[in-house]
């Protein structure tokens, strides 16, 4: 059994106005021909505000959330590689 390091992160968008939340989710998930960061960095969305990110993309996602002034928490974990397929 091989384990891979991953980052689980949670974020909060309560501070955003409705129109800004829509723009945030378009940037996160993509819209039309524009892919969001979830697709770009092959992020797993575990829940509405919970993401599973590969360590090499953690800093990019952190900066994305900082740009939107979203409070966030990052947790480091080990996952079975076969579960990440």
Protein backbone atom coordinates (compact mmCIF):
# COMPACT_ATOMS: atom_id res chain seq x y z
CA UNK A 1 0.00 0.00 0.00
CA UNK A 2 1.47 3.30 -1.12
CA UNK A 3 0.52 6.59 0.53
CA UNK A 4 0.51 9.98 -1.14
CA UNK A 5 0.64 13.33 0.68
CA UNK A 6 -2.43 15.52 0.08
CA UNK A 7 -3.88 18.72 1.47
CA UNK A 8 -7.48 18.95 2.64
CA UNK A 9 -8.70 22.52 2.80
CA UNK A 10 -11.86 24.24 3.86
CA UNK A 11 -12.89 27.77 2.93
CA UNK A 12 -15.67 30.22 3.70
CA UNK A 13 -17.48 32.56 1.28
CA UNK A 14 -19.99 34.12 3.72
CA UNK A 15 -18.35 37.54 3.39
CA UNK A 16 -18.94 37.69 -0.38
CA UNK A 17 -21.96 39.41 -1.90
CA UNK A 18 -24.15 37.14 -4.02
CA UNK A 19 -22.72 38.44 -7.31
CA UNK A 20 -19.17 37.94 -6.04
CA UNK A 21 -20.01 34.40 -4.92
CA UNK A 22 -21.17 33.61 -8.44
CA UNK A 23 -17.91 34.98 -9.87
CA UNK A 24 -15.94 33.03 -7.25
CA UNK A 25 -17.63 29.74 -8.13
CA UNK A 26 -17.11 30.36 -11.86
CA UNK A 27 -13.39 30.88 -11.14
CA UNK A 28 -13.37 27.76 -8.97
CA UNK A 29 -15.40 25.40 -11.16
CA UNK A 30 -15.18 27.04 -14.57
CA UNK A 31 -17.78 28.30 -16.98
CA UNK A 32 -18.14 27.84 -20.72
CA UNK A 33 -14.75 27.48 -22.36
CA UNK A 34 -12.89 28.68 -19.27
CA UNK A 35 -11.85 25.92 -16.91
CA UNK A 36 -11.76 26.66 -13.21
CA UNK A 37 -8.95 25.84 -10.84
CA UNK A 38 -10.62 22.56 -9.88
CA UNK A 39 -10.15 21.21 -13.37
CA UNK A 40 -6.84 22.99 -14.01
CA UNK A 41 -5.14 21.50 -10.94
CA UNK A 42 -7.13 18.22 -10.84
CA UNK A 43 -8.61 19.03 -7.45
CA UNK A 44 -11.16 16.74 -5.81
CA UNK A 45 -14.15 18.55 -4.35
CA UNK A 46 -15.07 16.57 -1.24
CA UNK A 47 -17.91 18.84 -0.16
CA UNK A 48 -19.44 22.24 -0.83
CA UNK A 49 -16.47 24.08 0.72
CA UNK A 50 -13.94 21.23 1.11
CA UNK A 51 -11.21 20.51 -1.43
CA UNK A 52 -8.53 17.82 -1.70
CA UNK A 53 -5.41 19.28 -3.33
CA UNK A 54 -2.08 17.79 -4.37
CA UNK A 55 0.81 19.41 -2.43
CA UNK A 56 2.35 20.87 -5.58
CA UNK A 57 -0.80 22.98 -6.12
CA UNK A 58 -1.38 23.98 -2.50
CA UNK A 59 0.32 27.39 -2.78
CA UNK A 60 -1.58 28.30 -5.97
CA UNK A 61 -4.90 27.41 -4.31
CA UNK A 62 -3.89 29.34 -1.19
CA UNK A 63 -3.20 32.45 -3.32
CA UNK A 64 -6.52 31.99 -5.15
CA UNK A 65 -8.39 31.97 -1.84
CA UNK A 66 -6.40 34.97 -0.58
CA UNK A 67 -7.30 36.93 -3.72
CA UNK A 68 -10.96 36.37 -2.86
CA UNK A 69 -10.27 37.08 0.84
CA UNK A 70 -11.76 33.71 1.77
CA UNK A 71 -10.85 32.46 5.24
CA UNK A 72 -9.42 28.97 4.91
CA UNK A 73 -7.84 26.13 6.86
CA UNK A 74 -5.33 23.67 5.45
CA UNK A 75 -4.82 20.14 6.78
CA UNK A 76 -2.11 17.76 5.60
CA UNK A 77 -3.01 14.10 5.16
CA UNK A 78 -1.81 10.85 3.64
CA UNK A 79 -4.11 9.09 1.17
CA UNK A 80 -3.91 5.70 -0.51
CA UNK A 81 -2.74 6.37 -4.06
CA UNK A 82 -5.29 3.95 -5.54
CA UNK A 83 -8.10 6.01 -3.96
CA UNK A 84 -6.96 9.09 -5.86
CA UNK A 85 -7.59 7.63 -9.31
